[in-house]
Amino acid sequence: MHIGGRVRLTEEGRLCVAERPELLAGSAQMLPWGIGKLVGSGIADLRTAWDMASVRPARFIGTSGSGGLKPGAAADLVLFDIHGRDISILRTVKDGKTVYAV
């Protein structure tokens, strides 16, 4: 059981609500994939795509990361490599402390 009810992944890769297949249930892909897709397709530049996946949702729900990277803000950072549409996360820093590293 998933948050919000049962979901189903179609053969086309669409994640939908099991009882209402016309409703999108969310993403079956990880955020780096989505960012890479936006950048690789020319829909958004890297800065805008990353902002769309991090700062904008944080602002929408009112979390501390909503201000982005600026003086006095928490040191929440992601170090990554990007090759075409492929983004590889190398290190994640939350509040100045490494919480993930390859």
PDB file of N, CA and C in Angstrom:
ATOM      1  N   MET A   1       0.846  -1.185   0.000  1.00  0.00           N
ATOM      2  CA  MET A   1       0.000   0.000   0.000  1.00  0.00           C
ATOM      3  C   MET A   1       0.885   1.239   0.000  1.00  0.00           C
ATOM      4  N   HIS A   2       0.627   2.155  -0.883  1.00  0.00           N
ATOM      5  CA  HIS A   2       1.375   3.396  -0.993  1.00  0.00           C
ATOM      6  C   HIS A   2       0.581   4.531  -0.357  1.00  0.00           C
ATOM      7  N   ILE A   3       1.256   5.624  -0.079  1.00  0.00           N
ATOM      8  CA  ILE A   3       0.559   6.789   0.454  1.00  0.00           C
ATOM      9  C   ILE A   3      -0.519   7.189  -0.544  1.00  0.00           C
ATOM     10  N   GLY A   4      -1.712   7.369  -0.073  1.00  0.00           N
ATOM     11  CA  GLY A   4      -2.801   7.779  -0.947  1.00  0.00           C
ATOM     12  C   GLY A   4      -3.525   6.629  -1.610  1.00  0.00           C
ATOM     13  N   GLY A   5      -3.100   5.393  -1.385  1.00  0.00           N
ATOM     14  CA  GLY A   5      -3.807   4.252  -1.956  1.00  0.00           C
ATOM     15  C   GLY A   5      -2.922   3.398  -2.837  1.00  0.00           C
ATOM     16  N   ARG A   6      -3.555   2.428  -3.482  1.00  0.00           N
ATOM     17  CA  ARG A   6      -2.813   1.517  -4.343  1.00  0.00           C
ATOM     18  C   ARG A   6      -2.492   2.185  -5.676  1.00  0.00           C
ATOM     19  N   VAL A   7      -1.315   1.874  -6.209  1.00  0.00           N
ATOM     20  CA  VAL A   7      -0.914   2.407  -7.506  1.00  0.00           C
ATOM     21  C   VAL A   7      -0.571   1.263  -8.437  1.00  0.00           C
ATOM     22  N   ARG A   8      -0.525   1.583  -9.727  1.00  0.00           N
ATOM     23  CA  ARG A   8      -0.197   0.587 -10.739  1.00  0.00           C
ATOM     24  C   ARG A   8       0.743   1.228 -11.753  1.00  0.00           C
ATOM     25  N   LEU A   9       1.813   0.522 -12.116  1.00  0.00           N
ATOM     26  CA  LEU A   9       2.740   0.977 -13.145  1.00  0.00           C
ATOM     27  C   LEU A   9       2.352   0.299 -14.451  1.00  0.00           C
ATOM     28  N   THR A  10       1.985   1.097 -15.449  1.00  0.00           N
ATOM     29  CA  THR A  10       1.554   0.542 -16.727  1.00  0.00           C
ATOM     30  C   THR A  10       2.758   0.109 -17.547  1.00  0.00           C
ATOM     31  N   GLU A  11       2.507  -0.644 -18.611  1.00  0.00           N
ATOM     32  CA  GLU A  11       3.576  -1.072 -19.512  1.00  0.00           C
ATOM     33  C   GLU A  11       4.284   0.120 -20.144  1.00  0.00           C
ATOM     34  N   GLU A  12       3.583   1.246 -20.271  1.00  0.00           N
ATOM     35  CA  GLU A  12       4.158   2.457 -20.861  1.00  0.00           C
ATOM     36  C   GLU A  12       5.007   3.232 -19.858  1.00  0.00           C
ATOM     37  N   GLY A  13       5.058   2.770 -18.601  1.00  0.00           N
ATOM     38  CA  GLY A  13       5.855   3.455 -17.588  1.00  0.00           C
ATOM     39  C   GLY A  13       5.088   4.552 -16.853  1.00  0.00           C
ATOM     40  N   ARG A  14       3.775   4.557 -16.971  1.00  0.00           N
ATOM     41  CA  ARG A  14       2.932   5.566 -16.313  1.00  0.00           C
ATOM     42  C   ARG A  14       2.468   5.023 -14.972  1.00  0.00           C
ATOM     43  N   LEU A  15       2.703   5.763 -13.910  1.00  0.00           N
ATOM     44  CA  LEU A  15       2.261   5.368 -12.582  1.00  0.00           C
ATOM     45  C   LEU A  15       0.899   6.000 -12.337  1.00  0.00           C
ATOM     46  N   CYS A  16      -0.120   5.180 -12.106  1.00  0.00           N
ATOM     47  CA  CYS A  16      -1.477   5.702 -11.946  1.00  0.00           C
ATOM     48  C   CYS A  16      -2.132   5.112 -10.704  1.00  0.00           C
ATOM     49  N   VAL A  17      -3.214   5.747 -10.275  1.00  0.00           N
ATOM     50  CA  VAL A  17      -4.009   5.240  -9.173  1.00  0.00           C
ATOM     51  C   VAL A  17      -4.690   3.965  -9.670  1.00  0.00           C
ATOM     52  N   ALA A  18      -4.545   2.872  -8.926  1.00  0.00           N
ATOM     53  CA  ALA A  18      -5.029   1.568  -9.391  1.00  0.00           C
ATOM     54  C   ALA A  18      -6.513   1.575  -9.723  1.00  0.00           C
ATOM     55  N   GLU A  19      -7.321   2.196  -8.876  1.00  0.00           N
ATOM     56  CA  GLU A  19      -8.765   2.205  -9.084  1.00  0.00           C
ATOM     57  C   GLU A  19      -9.221   3.255 -10.095  1.00  0.00           C
ATOM     58  N   ARG A  20      -8.342   4.209 -10.423  1.00  0.00           N
ATOM     59  CA  ARG A  20      -8.697   5.277 -11.376  1.00  0.00           C
ATOM     60  C   ARG A  20      -7.509   5.509 -12.305  1.00  0.00           C
ATOM     61  N   PRO A  21      -7.302   4.644 -13.289  1.00  0.00           N
ATOM     62  CA  PRO A  21      -6.112   4.707 -14.142  1.00  0.00           C
ATOM     63  C   PRO A  21      -5.935   6.011 -14.913  1.00  0.00           C
ATOM     64  N   GLU A  22      -6.979   6.831 -14.994  1.00  0.00           N
ATOM     65  CA  GLU A  22      -6.835   8.122 -15.669  1.00  0.00           C
ATOM     66  C   GLU A  22      -6.110   9.135 -14.795  1.00  0.00           C
ATOM     67  N   LEU A  23      -5.899   8.833 -13.506  1.00  0.00           N
ATOM     68  CA  LEU A  23      -5.226   9.751 -12.587  1.00  0.00           C
ATOM     69  C   LEU A  23      -3.764   9.374 -12.406  1.00  0.00           C
ATOM     70  N   LEU A  24      -2.895  10.313 -12.636  1.00  0.00           N
ATOM     71  CA  LEU A  24      -1.469  10.125 -12.425  1.00  0.00           C
ATOM     72  C   LEU A  24      -1.212  10.013 -10.935  1.00  0.00           C
ATOM     73  N   ALA A  25      -0.454   9.014 -10.513  1.00  0.00           N
ATOM     74  CA  ALA A  25      -0.225   8.765  -9.088  1.00  0.00           C
ATOM     75  C   ALA A  25       1.067   9.379  -8.586  1.00  0.00           C
ATOM     76  N   GLY A  26       1.880   9.899  -9.443  1.00  0.00           N
ATOM     77  CA  GLY A  26       3.166  10.437  -9.030  1.00  0.00           C
ATOM     78  C   GLY A  26       4.230   9.966  -9.995  1.00  0.00           C
ATOM     79  N   SER A  27       5.438  10.022  -9.555  1.00  0.00           N
ATOM     80  CA  SER A  27       6.528   9.655 -10.435  1.00  0.00           C
ATOM     81  C   SER A  27       7.124   8.311 -10.046  1.00  0.00           C
ATOM     82  N   ALA A  28       7.397   7.503 -11.039  1.00  0.00           N
ATOM     83  CA  ALA A  28       8.077   6.237 -10.801  1.00  0.00           C
ATOM     84  C   ALA A  28       9.581   6.415 -11.016  1.00  0.00           C
ATOM     85  N   GLN A  29      10.002   7.626 -11.304  1.00  0.00           N
ATOM     86  CA  GLN A  29      11.405   7.922 -11.553  1.00  0.00           C
ATOM     87  C   GLN A  29      11.988   8.745 -10.407  1.00  0.00           C
ATOM     88  N   MET A  30      13.278   8.666 -10.219  1.00  0.00           N
ATOM     89  CA  MET A  30      13.959   9.456  -9.211  1.00  0.00           C
ATOM     90  C   MET A  30      14.157  10.885  -9.735  1.00  0.00           C
ATOM     91  N   LEU A  31      14.281  11.858  -8.811  1.00  0.00           N
ATOM     92  CA  LEU A  31      14.432  13.263  -9.203  1.00  0.00           C
ATOM     93  C   LEU A  31      15.602  13.511 -10.153  1.00  0.00           C
ATOM     94  N   PRO A  32      16.786  12.916  -9.930  1.00  0.00           N
ATOM     95  CA  PRO A  32      17.874  13.170 -10.889  1.00  0.00           C
ATOM     96  C   PRO A  32      17.493  12.783 -12.321  1.00  0.00           C
ATOM     97  N   TRP A  33      16.718  11.716 -12.481  1.00  0.00           N
ATOM     98  CA  TRP A  33      16.264  11.326 -13.813  1.00  0.00           C
ATOM     99  C   TRP A  33      15.396  12.427 -14.409  1.00  0.00           C
ATOM    100  N   GLY A  34      14.452  12.958 -13.617  1.00  0.00           N
ATOM    101  CA  GLY A  34      13.572  14.015 -14.095  1.00  0.00           C
ATOM    102  C   GLY A  34      14.318  15.282 -14.458  1.00  0.00           C
ATOM    103  N   ILE A  35      15.290  15.649 -13.642  1.00  0.00           N
ATOM    104  CA  ILE A  35      16.111  16.826 -13.930  1.00  0.00           C
ATOM    105  C   ILE A  35      16.874  16.618 -15.230  1.00  0.00           C
ATOM    106  N   GLY A  36      17.489  15.452 -15.364  1.00  0.00           N
ATOM    107  CA  GLY A  36      18.227  15.134 -16.590  1.00  0.00           C
ATOM    108  C   GLY A  36      17.341  15.145 -17.814  1.00  0.00           C
ATOM    109  N   LYS A  37      16.114  14.675 -17.663  1.00  0.00           N
ATOM    110  CA  LYS A  37      15.153  14.660 -18.780  1.00  0.00           C
ATOM    111  C   LYS A  37      14.824  16.092 -19.214  1.00  0.00           C
ATOM    112  N   LEU A  38      14.567  16.979 -18.248  1.00  0.00           N
ATOM    113  CA  LEU A  38      14.269  18.377 -18.577  1.00  0.00           C
ATOM    114  C   LEU A  38      15.444  19.043 -19.288  1.00  0.00           C
ATOM    115  N   VAL A  39      16.648  18.835 -18.767  1.00  0.00           N
ATOM    116  CA  VAL A  39      17.842  19.454 -19.340  1.00  0.00           C
ATOM    117  C   VAL A  39      18.148  18.852 -20.710  1.00  0.00           C
ATOM    118  N   GLY A  40      18.163  17.523 -20.781  1.00  0.00           N
ATOM    119  CA  GLY A  40      18.489  16.840 -22.031  1.00  0.00           C
ATOM    120  C   GLY A  40      17.504  17.113 -23.145  1.00  0.00           C
ATOM    121  N   SER A  41      16.253  17.388 -22.789  1.00  0.00           N
ATOM    122  CA  SER A  41      15.216  17.683 -23.789  1.00  0.00           C
ATOM    123  C   SER A  41      15.187  19.154 -24.179  1.00  0.00           C
ATOM    124  N   GLY A  42      15.986  19.974 -23.482  1.00  0.00           N
ATOM    125  CA  GLY A  42      16.006  21.397 -23.774  1.00  0.00           C
ATOM    126  C   GLY A  42      14.812  22.154 -23.202  1.00  0.00           C
ATOM    127  N   ILE A  43      14.066  21.521 -22.303  1.00  0.00           N
ATOM    128  CA  ILE A  43      12.896  22.164 -21.699  1.00  0.00           C
ATOM    129  C   ILE A  43      13.326  23.217 -20.690  1.00  0.00           C
ATOM    130  N   ALA A  44      14.420  22.936 -19.974  1.00  0.00           N
ATOM    131  CA  ALA A  44      14.929  23.878 -18.970  1.00  0.00           C
ATOM    132  C   ALA A  44      16.443  23.742 -18.892  1.00  0.00           C
ATOM    133  N   ASP A  45      17.106  24.824 -18.487  1.00  0.00           N
ATOM    134  CA  ASP A  45      18.544  24.706 -18.250  1.00  0.00           C
ATOM    135  C   ASP A  45      18.741  24.024 -16.895  1.00  0.00           C
ATOM    136  N   LEU A  46      19.978  23.615 -16.603  1.00  0.00           N
ATOM    137  CA  LEU A  46      20.255  22.856 -15.385  1.00  0.00           C
ATOM    138  C   LEU A  46      19.855  23.610 -14.127  1.00  0.00           C
ATOM    139  N   ARG A  47      20.181  24.887 -14.061  1.00  0.00           N
ATOM    140  CA  ARG A  47      19.853  25.682 -12.868  1.00  0.00           C
ATOM    141  C   ARG A  47      18.338  25.725 -12.630  1.00  0.00           C
ATOM    142  N   THR A  48      17.576  25.967 -13.676  1.00  0.00           N
ATOM    143  CA  THR A  48      16.121  26.040 -13.551  1.00  0.00           C
ATOM    144  C   THR A  48      15.536  24.681 -13.184  1.00  0.00           C
ATOM    145  N   ALA A  49      16.007  23.617 -13.846  1.00  0.00           N
ATOM    146  CA  ALA A  49      15.493  22.275 -13.567  1.00  0.00           C
ATOM    147  C   ALA A  49      15.781  21.872 -12.126  1.00  0.00           C
ATOM    148  N   TRP A  50      16.998  22.156 -11.640  1.00  0.00           N
ATOM    149  CA  TRP A  50      17.336  21.799 -10.258  1.00  0.00           C
ATOM    150  C   TRP A  50      16.477  22.603  -9.284  1.00  0.00           C
ATOM    151  N   ASP A  51      16.271  23.868  -9.580  1.00  0.00           N
ATOM    152  CA  ASP A  51      15.416  24.722  -8.744  1.00  0.00           C
ATOM    153  C   ASP A  51      13.987  24.184  -8.712  1.00  0.00           C
ATOM    154  N   MET A  52      13.497  23.714  -9.855  1.00  0.00           N
ATOM    155  CA  MET A  52      12.142  23.173  -9.942  1.00  0.00           C
ATOM    156  C   MET A  52      11.981  21.920  -9.081  1.00  0.00           C
ATOM    157  N   ALA A  53      13.075  21.188  -8.873  1.00  0.00           N
ATOM    158  CA  ALA A  53      13.019  19.943  -8.107  1.00  0.00           C
ATOM    159  C   ALA A  53      13.389  20.122  -6.640  1.00  0.00           C
ATOM    160  N   SER A  54      13.853  21.305  -6.255  1.00  0.00           N
ATOM    161  CA  SER A  54      14.317  21.480  -4.880  1.00  0.00           C
ATOM    162  C   SER A  54      13.737  22.724  -4.214  1.00  0.00           C
ATOM    163  N   VAL A  55      14.157  23.891  -4.643  1.00  0.00           N
ATOM    164  CA  VAL A  55      13.761  25.132  -3.983  1.00  0.00           C
ATOM    165  C   VAL A  55      12.259  25.403  -4.135  1.00  0.00           C
ATOM    166  N   ARG A  56      11.718  25.218  -5.318  1.00  0.00           N
ATOM    167  CA  ARG A  56      10.290  25.517  -5.521  1.00  0.00           C
ATOM    168  C   ARG A  56       9.370  24.621  -4.684  1.00  0.00           C
ATOM    169  N   PRO A  57       9.586  23.297  -4.648  1.00  0.00           N
ATOM    170  CA  PRO A  57       8.735  22.481  -3.767  1.00  0.00           C
ATOM    171  C   PRO A  57       8.930  22.834  -2.291  1.00  0.00           C
ATOM    172  N   ALA A  58      10.163  23.138  -1.880  1.00  0.00           N
ATOM    173  CA  ALA A  58      10.416  23.528  -0.485  1.00  0.00           C
ATOM    174  C   ALA A  58       9.668  24.808  -0.151  1.00  0.00           C
ATOM    175  N   ARG A  59       9.667  25.746  -1.074  1.00  0.00           N
ATOM    176  CA  ARG A  59       8.940  27.004  -0.875  1.00  0.00           C
ATOM    177  C   ARG A  59       7.439  26.735  -0.779  1.00  0.00           C
ATOM    178  N   PHE A  60       6.946  25.852  -1.624  1.00  0.00           N
ATOM    179  CA  PHE A  60       5.512  25.546  -1.657  1.00  0.00           C
ATOM    180  C   PHE A  60       5.029  24.964  -0.328  1.00  0.00           C
ATOM    181  N   ILE A  61       5.846  24.077   0.273  1.00  0.00           N
ATOM    182  CA  ILE A  61       5.416  23.465   1.535  1.00  0.00           C
ATOM    183  C   ILE A  61       5.963  24.202   2.749  1.00  0.00           C
ATOM    184  N   GLY A  62       6.745  25.264   2.523  1.00  0.00           N
ATOM    185  CA  GLY A  62       7.200  26.117   3.613  1.00  0.00           C
ATOM    186  C   GLY A  62       8.308  25.547   4.470  1.00  0.00           C
ATOM    187  N   THR A  63       9.215  24.761   3.883  1.00  0.00           N
ATOM    188  CA  THR A  63      10.323  24.220   4.670  1.00  0.00           C
ATOM    189  C   THR A  63      11.505  25.179   4.695  1.00  0.00           C
ATOM    190  N   SER A  64      12.491  24.863   5.513  1.00  0.00           N
ATOM    191  CA  SER A  64      13.643  25.743   5.692  1.00  0.00           C
ATOM    192  C   SER A  64      14.489  25.891   4.429  1.00  0.00           C
ATOM    193  N   GLY A  65      14.431  24.949   3.513  1.00  0.00           N
ATOM    194  CA  GLY A  65      15.225  25.032   2.294  1.00  0.00           C
ATOM    195  C   GLY A  65      14.626  25.905   1.220  1.00  0.00           C
ATOM    196  N   SER A  66      13.573  26.608   1.551  1.00  0.00           N
ATOM    197  CA  SER A  66      12.852  27.359   0.523  1.00  0.00           C
ATOM    198  C   SER A  66      13.584  28.592   0.016  1.00  0.00           C
ATOM    199  N   GLY A  67      14.637  29.018   0.721  1.00  0.00           N
ATOM    200  CA  GLY A  67      15.369  30.202   0.287  1.00  0.00           C
ATOM    201  C   GLY A  67      16.480  29.918  -0.692  1.00  0.00           C
ATOM    202  N   GLY A  68      16.796  28.657  -0.905  1.00  0.00           N
ATOM    203  CA  GLY A  68      17.890  28.310  -1.791  1.00  0.00           C
ATOM    204  C   GLY A  68      19.231  28.572  -1.125  1.00  0.00           C
ATOM    205  N   LEU A  69      20.265  28.614  -1.918  1.00  0.00           N
ATOM    206  CA  LEU A  69      21.614  28.814  -1.418  1.00  0.00           C
ATOM    207  C   LEU A  69      21.925  30.307  -1.360  1.00  0.00           C
ATOM    208  N   LYS A  70      22.074  30.822  -0.144  1.00  0.00           N
ATOM    209  CA  LYS A  70      22.406  32.229   0.048  1.00  0.00           C
ATOM    210  C   LYS A  70      23.065  32.378   1.422  1.00  0.00           C
ATOM    211  N   PRO A  71      23.733  33.500   1.675  1.00  0.00           N
ATOM    212  CA  PRO A  71      24.411  33.678   2.963  1.00  0.00           C
ATOM    213  C   PRO A  71      23.458  33.475   4.142  1.00  0.00           C
ATOM    214  N   GLY A  72      23.915  32.697   5.118  1.00  0.00           N
ATOM    215  CA  GLY A  72      23.129  32.433   6.308  1.00  0.00           C
ATOM    216  C   GLY A  72      22.181  31.250   6.193  1.00  0.00           C
ATOM    217  N   ALA A  73      21.987  30.734   4.968  1.00  0.00           N
ATOM    218  CA  ALA A  73      21.099  29.591   4.778  1.00  0.00           C
ATOM    219  C   ALA A  73      21.805  28.311   5.215  1.00  0.00           C
ATOM    220  N   ALA A  74      21.012  27.285   5.521  1.00  0.00           N
ATOM    221  CA  ALA A  74      21.591  25.977   5.860  1.00  0.00           C
ATOM    222  C   ALA A  74      22.410  25.472   4.680  1.00  0.00           C
ATOM    223  N   ALA A  75      23.516  24.803   4.982  1.00  0.00           N
ATOM    224  CA  ALA A  75      24.386  24.275   3.929  1.00  0.00           C
ATOM    225  C   ALA A  75      23.827  22.950   3.433  1.00  0.00           C
ATOM    226  N   ASP A  76      22.814  23.018   2.597  1.00  0.00           N
ATOM    227  CA  ASP A  76      22.223  21.845   1.971  1.00  0.00           C
ATOM    228  C   ASP A  76      22.681  21.837   0.517  1.00  0.00           C
ATOM    229  N   LEU A  77      23.554  20.894   0.175  1.00  0.00           N
ATOM    230  CA  LEU A  77      24.184  20.868  -1.140  1.00  0.00           C
ATOM    231  C   LEU A  77      24.170  19.469  -1.729  1.00  0.00           C
ATOM    232  N   VAL A  78      24.242  19.396  -3.053  1.00  0.00           N
ATOM    233  CA  VAL A  78      24.385  18.129  -3.751  1.00  0.00           C
ATOM    234  C   VAL A  78      25.514  18.275  -4.756  1.00  0.00           C
ATOM    235  N   LEU A  79      26.486  17.377  -4.691  1.00  0.00           N
ATOM    236  CA  LEU A  79      27.581  17.329  -5.661  1.00  0.00           C
ATOM    237  C   LEU A  79      27.246  16.204  -6.629  1.00  0.00           C
ATOM    238  N   PHE A  80      27.281  16.509  -7.924  1.00  0.00           N
ATOM    239  CA  PHE A  80      26.879  15.511  -8.909  1.00  0.00           C
ATOM    240  C   PHE A  80      27.674  15.660 -10.189  1.00  0.00           C
ATOM    241  N   ASP A  81      27.638  14.610 -10.997  1.00  0.00           N
ATOM    242  CA  ASP A  81      28.159  14.618 -12.363  1.00  0.00           C
ATOM    243  C   ASP A  81      26.958  14.553 -13.287  1.00  0.00           C
ATOM    244  N   ILE A  82      27.063  15.229 -14.425  1.00  0.00           N
ATOM    245  CA  ILE A  82      26.008  15.127 -15.430  1.00  0.00           C
ATOM    246  C   ILE A  82      26.650  14.881 -16.786  1.00  0.00           C
ATOM    247  N   HIS A  83      26.144  13.867 -17.465  1.00  0.00           N
ATOM    248  CA  HIS A  83      26.602  13.514 -18.809  1.00  0.00           C
ATOM    249  C   HIS A  83      25.347  13.318 -19.650  1.00  0.00           C
ATOM    250  N   GLY A  84      25.057  14.299 -20.490  1.00  0.00           N
ATOM    251  CA  GLY A  84      23.818  14.252 -21.262  1.00  0.00           C
ATOM    252  C   GLY A  84      22.628  14.325 -20.334  1.00  0.00           C
ATOM    253  N   ARG A  85      21.820  13.273 -20.325  1.00  0.00           N
ATOM    254  CA  ARG A  85      20.644  13.221 -19.441  1.00  0.00           C
ATOM    255  C   ARG A  85      20.916  12.478 -18.144  1.00  0.00           C
ATOM    256  N   ASP A  86      22.101  11.904 -18.012  1.00  0.00           N
ATOM    257  CA  ASP A  86      22.417  11.085 -16.843  1.00  0.00           C
ATOM    258  C   ASP A  86      23.066  11.913 -15.742  1.00  0.00           C
ATOM    259  N   ILE A  87      22.421  11.955 -14.584  1.00  0.00           N
ATOM    260  CA  ILE A  87      22.952  12.649 -13.411  1.00  0.00           C
ATOM    261  C   ILE A  87      23.315  11.603 -12.376  1.00  0.00           C
ATOM    262  N   SER A  88      24.550  11.661 -11.886  1.00  0.00           N
ATOM    263  CA  SER A  88      25.016  10.761 -10.834  1.00  0.00           C
ATOM    264  C   SER A  88      25.278  11.582  -9.584  1.00  0.00           C
ATOM    265  N   ILE A  89      24.571  11.272  -8.508  1.00  0.00           N
ATOM    266  CA  ILE A  89      24.770  11.962  -7.234  1.00  0.00           C
ATOM    267  C   ILE A  89      26.038  11.412  -6.587  1.00  0.00           C
ATOM    268  N   LEU A  90      26.969  12.304  -6.255  1.00  0.00           N
ATOM    269  CA  LEU A  90      28.235  11.908  -5.650  1.00  0.00           C
ATOM    270  C   LEU A  90      28.265  12.143  -4.144  1.00  0.00           C
ATOM    271  N   ARG A  91      27.630  13.231  -3.706  1.00  0.00           N
ATOM    272  CA  ARG A  91      27.631  13.584  -2.283  1.00  0.00           C
ATOM    273  C   ARG A  91      26.433  14.479  -2.001  1.00  0.00           C
ATOM    274  N   THR A  92      25.815  14.257  -0.834  1.00  0.00           N
ATOM    275  CA  THR A  92      24.724  15.098  -0.377  1.00  0.00           C
ATOM    276  C   THR A  92      25.083  15.629   1.003  1.00  0.00           C
ATOM    277  N   VAL A  93      24.948  16.954   1.180  1.00  0.00           N
ATOM    278  CA  VAL A  93      25.268  17.615   2.450  1.00  0.00           C
ATOM    279  C   VAL A  93      23.991  18.254   2.978  1.00  0.00           C
ATOM    280  N   LYS A  94      23.645  17.955   4.224  1.00  0.00           N
ATOM    281  CA  LYS A  94      22.457  18.511   4.878  1.00  0.00           C
ATOM    282  C   LYS A  94      22.902  19.209   6.148  1.00  0.00           C
ATOM    283  N   ASP A  95      22.551  20.485   6.292  1.00  0.00           N
ATOM    284  CA  ASP A  95      22.962  21.281   7.462  1.00  0.00           C
ATOM    285  C   ASP A  95      24.467  21.229   7.687  1.00  0.00           C
ATOM    286  N   GLY A  96      25.226  21.218   6.584  1.00  0.00           N
ATOM    287  CA  GLY A  96      26.682  21.254   6.677  1.00  0.00           C
ATOM    288  C   GLY A  96      27.329  19.908   6.939  1.00  0.00           C
ATOM    289  N   LYS A  97      26.560  18.832   7.036  1.00  0.00           N
ATOM    290  CA  LYS A  97      27.101  17.502   7.312  1.00  0.00           C
ATOM    291  C   LYS A  97      26.819  16.574   6.145  1.00  0.00           C
ATOM    292  N   THR A  98      27.831  15.800   5.734  1.00  0.00           N
ATOM    293  CA  THR A  98      27.644  14.828   4.656  1.00  0.00           C
ATOM    294  C   THR A  98      26.706  13.727   5.131  1.00  0.00           C
ATOM    295  N   VAL A  99      25.618  13.514   4.390  1.00  0.00           N
ATOM    296  CA  VAL A  99      24.659  12.464   4.727  1.00  0.00           C
ATOM    297  C   VAL A  99      24.664  11.343   3.695  1.00  0.00           C
ATOM    298  N   TYR A 100      25.326  11.578   2.560  1.00  0.00           N
ATOM    299  CA  TYR A 100      25.479  10.543   1.551  1.00  0.00           C
ATOM    300  C   TYR A 100      26.748  10.825   0.779  1.00  0.00           C
ATOM    301  N   ALA A 101      27.501   9.784   0.505  1.00  0.00           N
ATOM    302  CA  ALA A 101      28.685   9.909  -0.343  1.00  0.00           C
ATOM    303  C   ALA A 101      28.912   8.587  -1.057  1.00  0.00           C
ATOM    304  N   VAL A 102      29.324   8.672  -2.307  1.00  0.00           N
ATOM    305  CA  VAL A 102      29.605   7.467  -3.096  1.00  0.00           C
ATOM    306  C   VAL A 102      30.842   6.818  -2.516  1.00  0.00           C
TER     307      VAL A 102
END
